[in-house]
């Protein structure tokens, strides 16, 4: 199916207590294309592209995809506008990873000390 991500629209993940898990925030530069596209649909498309292919994700490179995505769609890429990852984006992500690793280390140490 060309717009398979639409089937997942409106569905949410939940934890064991049936509380809906908050969806990830996408970077501001990542914008969807196609009919009725929203952030949840775009997240599904990007996650699927990362999972099923080892090719880099560049988005839809043709400007014509905005006018008629059914005709000009590159099916090997998710339904998003072409984007560029900057060095600043990479640096910010590295900082976030370091912060999360530090929190994890602190939680593991607290767990070890409580035993």
N, C-alpha and C. Protein backbone atom coordinates (compact mmCIF):
# COMPACT_ATOMS: atom_id res chain seq x y z
N UNK A 1 0.84 -1.19 0.00
CA UNK A 1 0.00 0.00 0.00
C UNK A 1 0.87 1.23 0.00
N UNK A 2 0.45 2.22 -0.74
CA UNK A 2 1.24 3.43 -0.88
C UNK A 2 1.27 4.25 0.40
N UNK A 3 0.13 4.44 1.04
CA UNK A 3 0.06 5.24 2.26
C UNK A 3 -0.29 4.35 3.45
N UNK A 4 0.49 3.29 3.66
CA UNK A 4 0.20 2.29 4.69
C UNK A 4 0.20 2.90 6.09
N UNK A 5 0.96 3.98 6.30
CA UNK A 5 1.04 4.59 7.62
C UNK A 5 -0.32 5.09 8.11
N UNK A 6 -1.21 5.40 7.17
CA UNK A 6 -2.53 5.91 7.53
C UNK A 6 -3.32 4.88 8.34
N UNK A 7 -3.04 3.58 8.14
CA UNK A 7 -3.74 2.54 8.90
C UNK A 7 -3.45 2.64 10.39
N UNK A 8 -2.30 3.16 10.76
CA UNK A 8 -1.90 3.26 12.16
C UNK A 8 -2.37 4.56 12.82
N UNK A 9 -2.93 5.45 12.02
CA UNK A 9 -3.36 6.75 12.54
C UNK A 9 -4.44 6.57 13.61
N UNK A 10 -4.28 7.26 14.72
CA UNK A 10 -5.25 7.19 15.80
C UNK A 10 -4.97 6.10 16.82
N UNK A 11 -3.99 5.23 16.55
CA UNK A 11 -3.64 4.18 17.51
C UNK A 11 -2.54 4.68 18.43
N UNK A 12 -2.57 4.27 19.68
CA UNK A 12 -1.54 4.68 20.65
C UNK A 12 -1.07 3.47 21.44
N UNK A 13 0.16 3.53 21.89
CA UNK A 13 0.70 2.48 22.76
C UNK A 13 0.26 2.77 24.18
N UNK A 14 0.11 1.70 24.98
CA UNK A 14 -0.25 1.89 26.38
C UNK A 14 0.59 0.94 27.24
N UNK A 15 0.73 1.31 28.52
CA UNK A 15 1.49 0.46 29.43
C UNK A 15 0.57 -0.58 30.06
N UNK A 16 1.09 -1.36 31.00
CA UNK A 16 0.31 -2.45 31.59
C UNK A 16 -0.91 -1.96 32.36
N UNK A 17 -0.88 -0.70 32.83
CA UNK A 17 -2.04 -0.15 33.54
C UNK A 17 -2.99 0.57 32.58
N UNK A 18 -2.77 0.36 31.28
CA UNK A 18 -3.58 0.92 30.20
C UNK A 18 -3.54 2.44 30.13
N UNK A 19 -2.45 3.03 30.64
CA UNK A 19 -2.22 4.46 30.49
C UNK A 19 -1.53 4.68 29.14
N UNK A 20 -2.02 5.65 28.38
CA UNK A 20 -1.43 5.91 27.06
C UNK A 20 -0.03 6.48 27.23
N UNK A 21 0.91 5.91 26.49
CA UNK A 21 2.30 6.36 26.53
C UNK A 21 2.43 7.55 25.59
N UNK A 22 3.03 8.60 26.10
CA UNK A 22 3.20 9.83 25.32
C UNK A 22 4.10 9.57 24.11
N UNK A 23 3.70 10.09 22.97
CA UNK A 23 4.46 9.91 21.74
C UNK A 23 5.73 10.76 21.77
N UNK A 24 6.71 10.34 20.99
CA UNK A 24 7.96 11.10 20.90
C UNK A 24 7.73 12.42 20.20
N UNK A 25 8.57 13.40 20.52
CA UNK A 25 8.55 14.66 19.80
C UNK A 25 9.54 14.57 18.66
N UNK A 26 9.09 14.93 17.48
CA UNK A 26 9.96 14.91 16.32
C UNK A 26 10.70 16.23 16.20
N UNK A 27 11.88 16.24 15.60
CA UNK A 27 12.60 17.50 15.40
C UNK A 27 11.77 18.46 14.55
N UNK A 28 11.97 19.75 14.78
CA UNK A 28 11.19 20.78 14.07
C UNK A 28 11.39 20.71 12.55
N UNK A 29 12.59 20.33 12.11
CA UNK A 29 12.88 20.29 10.68
C UNK A 29 12.25 19.12 9.94
N UNK A 30 11.68 18.19 10.66
CA UNK A 30 11.08 17.00 10.05
C UNK A 30 9.59 17.26 9.85
N UNK A 31 9.19 17.44 8.59
CA UNK A 31 7.80 17.77 8.26
C UNK A 31 7.25 16.74 7.28
N UNK A 32 6.04 16.30 7.56
CA UNK A 32 5.40 15.30 6.73
C UNK A 32 4.83 15.86 5.44
N UNK A 33 4.64 14.98 4.47
CA UNK A 33 3.97 15.30 3.22
C UNK A 33 2.92 14.23 2.96
N UNK A 34 1.98 14.53 2.13
CA UNK A 34 0.97 13.54 1.79
C UNK A 34 -0.37 13.89 2.40
N UNK A 35 -1.39 13.15 2.03
CA UNK A 35 -2.76 13.46 2.47
C UNK A 35 -2.97 13.21 3.96
N UNK A 36 -3.44 14.24 4.67
CA UNK A 36 -3.79 14.10 6.08
C UNK A 36 -2.65 13.65 6.97
N UNK A 37 -1.44 14.03 6.67
CA UNK A 37 -0.28 13.59 7.43
C UNK A 37 -0.20 14.34 8.76
N UNK A 38 0.13 13.63 9.83
CA UNK A 38 0.36 14.26 11.13
C UNK A 38 1.63 13.69 11.75
N UNK A 39 2.00 14.17 12.94
CA UNK A 39 3.26 13.75 13.56
C UNK A 39 3.29 12.26 13.89
N UNK A 40 2.16 11.70 14.31
CA UNK A 40 2.14 10.27 14.64
C UNK A 40 2.36 9.41 13.40
N UNK A 41 1.74 9.81 12.29
CA UNK A 41 1.93 9.08 11.04
C UNK A 41 3.37 9.19 10.57
N UNK A 42 3.93 10.39 10.69
CA UNK A 42 5.32 10.61 10.29
C UNK A 42 6.27 9.79 11.17
N UNK A 43 6.00 9.73 12.46
CA UNK A 43 6.83 8.93 13.36
C UNK A 43 6.80 7.46 12.97
N UNK A 44 5.63 6.94 12.63
CA UNK A 44 5.51 5.55 12.19
C UNK A 44 6.32 5.31 10.92
N UNK A 45 6.24 6.25 9.99
CA UNK A 45 6.95 6.10 8.72
C UNK A 45 8.46 6.12 8.91
N UNK A 46 8.96 7.05 9.74
CA UNK A 46 10.40 7.15 9.97
C UNK A 46 10.90 5.92 10.73
N UNK A 47 10.17 5.49 11.75
CA UNK A 47 10.57 4.31 12.51
C UNK A 47 10.62 3.08 11.62
N UNK A 48 9.65 2.94 10.75
CA UNK A 48 9.62 1.81 9.84
C UNK A 48 10.79 1.85 8.87
N UNK A 49 11.09 3.04 8.35
CA UNK A 49 12.19 3.18 7.41
C UNK A 49 13.52 2.84 8.08
N UNK A 50 13.69 3.24 9.33
CA UNK A 50 14.92 2.92 10.06
C UNK A 50 15.03 1.43 10.33
N UNK A 51 13.90 0.80 10.57
CA UNK A 51 13.87 -0.62 10.92
C UNK A 51 14.04 -1.55 9.72
N UNK A 52 13.50 -1.17 8.59
CA UNK A 52 13.46 -2.08 7.45
C UNK A 52 14.55 -1.87 6.41
N UNK A 53 15.31 -0.79 6.53
CA UNK A 53 16.30 -0.51 5.50
C UNK A 53 17.59 0.01 6.12
N UNK A 54 18.70 -0.31 5.51
CA UNK A 54 19.99 0.23 5.97
C UNK A 54 20.37 1.47 5.18
N UNK A 55 19.53 1.85 4.21
CA UNK A 55 19.80 3.05 3.41
C UNK A 55 19.54 4.30 4.24
N UNK A 56 20.25 5.38 3.94
CA UNK A 56 20.01 6.62 4.69
C UNK A 56 18.62 7.18 4.40
N UNK A 57 18.06 7.87 5.39
CA UNK A 57 16.76 8.50 5.21
C UNK A 57 16.99 9.94 4.79
N UNK A 58 16.50 10.29 3.63
CA UNK A 58 16.65 11.65 3.12
C UNK A 58 15.32 12.36 2.98
N UNK A 59 14.23 11.63 3.03
CA UNK A 59 12.92 12.22 2.80
C UNK A 59 12.60 12.25 1.31
N UNK A 60 11.48 12.85 0.99
CA UNK A 60 11.06 12.95 -0.41
C UNK A 60 11.80 14.12 -1.06
N UNK A 61 12.66 13.83 -2.01
CA UNK A 61 13.51 14.85 -2.63
C UNK A 61 12.80 15.65 -3.71
N UNK A 62 11.75 15.12 -4.30
CA UNK A 62 11.04 15.81 -5.37
C UNK A 62 10.05 16.81 -4.78
N UNK A 63 10.09 18.04 -5.26
CA UNK A 63 9.13 19.06 -4.81
C UNK A 63 7.73 18.74 -5.32
N UNK A 64 7.64 17.96 -6.39
CA UNK A 64 6.34 17.62 -6.98
C UNK A 64 5.52 16.71 -6.07
N UNK A 65 6.16 16.06 -5.10
CA UNK A 65 5.42 15.17 -4.20
C UNK A 65 4.38 15.95 -3.40
N UNK A 66 4.60 17.24 -3.20
CA UNK A 66 3.63 18.09 -2.49
C UNK A 66 2.33 18.20 -3.27
N UNK A 67 2.43 18.25 -4.59
CA UNK A 67 1.24 18.42 -5.43
C UNK A 67 0.47 17.12 -5.59
N UNK A 68 1.19 16.02 -5.83
CA UNK A 68 0.52 14.74 -6.04
C UNK A 68 1.42 13.61 -5.54
N UNK A 69 1.34 13.30 -4.23
CA UNK A 69 2.24 12.28 -3.69
C UNK A 69 2.03 10.89 -4.29
N UNK A 70 0.86 10.61 -4.80
CA UNK A 70 0.60 9.29 -5.37
C UNK A 70 1.40 9.08 -6.65
N UNK A 71 1.79 10.16 -7.32
CA UNK A 71 2.53 10.05 -8.57
C UNK A 71 4.04 10.18 -8.36
N UNK A 72 4.45 11.15 -7.53
CA UNK A 72 5.85 11.49 -7.42
C UNK A 72 6.53 10.92 -6.18
N UNK A 73 5.93 9.95 -5.55
CA UNK A 73 6.44 9.41 -4.29
C UNK A 73 7.62 8.47 -4.50
N UNK A 74 8.67 8.66 -3.71
CA UNK A 74 9.79 7.72 -3.65
C UNK A 74 9.43 6.74 -2.54
N UNK A 75 9.02 5.54 -2.89
CA UNK A 75 8.51 4.58 -1.91
C UNK A 75 9.58 4.05 -0.95
N UNK A 76 10.85 4.27 -1.24
CA UNK A 76 11.90 3.80 -0.33
C UNK A 76 12.18 4.82 0.78
N UNK A 77 11.52 5.95 0.73
CA UNK A 77 11.72 7.00 1.73
C UNK A 77 10.40 7.28 2.45
N UNK A 78 10.48 7.69 3.75
CA UNK A 78 9.25 8.00 4.48
C UNK A 78 8.58 9.26 3.92
N UNK A 79 7.31 9.44 4.28
CA UNK A 79 6.54 10.58 3.78
C UNK A 79 6.89 11.85 4.55
N UNK A 80 8.09 12.38 4.28
CA UNK A 80 8.51 13.64 4.89
C UNK A 80 9.28 14.44 3.87
N UNK A 81 9.30 15.74 4.10
CA UNK A 81 10.07 16.62 3.23
C UNK A 81 11.55 16.30 3.42
N UNK A 82 12.34 16.58 2.39
CA UNK A 82 13.78 16.37 2.48
C UNK A 82 14.33 17.22 3.63
N UNK A 83 15.30 16.70 4.36
CA UNK A 83 15.86 17.41 5.49
C UNK A 83 17.36 17.17 5.58
N UNK A 84 18.03 18.02 6.33
CA UNK A 84 19.47 17.90 6.52
C UNK A 84 19.73 17.88 8.02
N UNK A 85 20.56 16.95 8.46
CA UNK A 85 20.97 16.89 9.86
C UNK A 85 22.25 17.70 9.99
N UNK A 86 22.24 18.71 10.86
CA UNK A 86 23.39 19.60 11.02
C UNK A 86 24.29 19.09 12.15
N UNK A 87 25.50 19.64 12.20
CA UNK A 87 26.42 19.30 13.29
C UNK A 87 25.83 19.70 14.63
N UNK A 88 25.09 20.80 14.66
CA UNK A 88 24.45 21.25 15.90
C UNK A 88 23.40 20.24 16.36
N UNK A 89 22.65 19.67 15.41
CA UNK A 89 21.67 18.63 15.75
C UNK A 89 22.35 17.43 16.39
N UNK A 90 23.46 17.02 15.83
CA UNK A 90 24.21 15.87 16.34
C UNK A 90 24.76 16.17 17.73
N UNK A 91 25.30 17.37 17.93
CA UNK A 91 25.83 17.76 19.23
C UNK A 91 24.74 17.76 20.30
N UNK A 92 23.57 18.31 19.97
CA UNK A 92 22.46 18.32 20.93
C UNK A 92 22.01 16.90 21.29
N UNK A 93 21.97 16.02 20.30
CA UNK A 93 21.57 14.64 20.57
C UNK A 93 22.60 13.93 21.44
N UNK A 94 23.88 14.19 21.18
CA UNK A 94 24.93 13.59 22.02
C UNK A 94 24.80 14.05 23.46
N UNK A 95 24.47 15.32 23.67
CA UNK A 95 24.28 15.84 25.03
C UNK A 95 23.09 15.16 25.71
N UNK A 96 22.00 14.98 24.97
CA UNK A 96 20.83 14.31 25.54
C UNK A 96 21.15 12.87 25.93
N UNK A 97 21.91 12.18 25.09
CA UNK A 97 22.29 10.79 25.38
C UNK A 97 23.15 10.75 26.65
N UNK A 98 24.08 11.67 26.78
CA UNK A 98 24.93 11.70 27.98
C UNK A 98 24.10 11.96 29.23
N UNK A 99 23.11 12.86 29.16
CA UNK A 99 22.25 13.15 30.31
C UNK A 99 21.44 11.91 30.71
N UNK A 100 20.90 11.22 29.73
CA UNK A 100 20.10 10.03 30.02
C UNK A 100 20.98 8.92 30.59
N UNK A 101 22.20 8.77 30.07
CA UNK A 101 23.11 7.76 30.61
C UNK A 101 23.46 8.06 32.06
N UNK A 102 23.65 9.34 32.38
CA UNK A 102 23.96 9.73 33.75
C UNK A 102 22.78 9.41 34.67
N UNK A 103 21.56 9.69 34.24
CA UNK A 103 20.37 9.38 35.04
C UNK A 103 20.26 7.87 35.25
N UNK A 104 20.54 7.10 34.21
CA UNK A 104 20.49 5.65 34.32
C UNK A 104 21.53 5.15 35.31
N UNK A 105 22.73 5.69 35.22
CA UNK A 105 23.79 5.30 36.15
C UNK A 105 23.39 5.60 37.59
N UNK A 106 22.81 6.78 37.81
CA UNK A 106 22.37 7.16 39.16
C UNK A 106 21.28 6.22 39.67
N UNK A 107 20.35 5.86 38.79
CA UNK A 107 19.26 4.96 39.18
C UNK A 107 19.81 3.57 39.51
N UNK A 108 20.75 3.09 38.72
CA UNK A 108 21.35 1.78 38.98
C UNK A 108 22.15 1.78 40.29
N UNK A 109 22.86 2.86 40.54
CA UNK A 109 23.62 2.96 41.78
C UNK A 109 22.68 3.01 42.99
N UNK A 110 21.59 3.74 42.88
CA UNK A 110 20.61 3.81 43.97
C UNK A 110 20.00 2.44 44.21
N UNK A 111 19.76 1.69 43.16
CA UNK A 111 19.21 0.34 43.29
C UNK A 111 20.21 -0.59 43.99
N UNK A 112 21.47 -0.50 43.61
CA UNK A 112 22.51 -1.33 44.22
C UNK A 112 22.65 -0.99 45.70
N UNK A 113 22.62 0.29 46.04
CA UNK A 113 22.78 0.72 47.42
C UNK A 113 21.57 0.33 48.27
N UNK A 114 20.40 0.26 47.67
CA UNK A 114 19.19 -0.09 48.43
C UNK A 114 19.15 -1.59 48.76
N UNK A 115 19.93 -2.37 48.05
CA UNK A 115 19.94 -3.82 48.29
C UNK A 115 20.92 -4.07 49.36
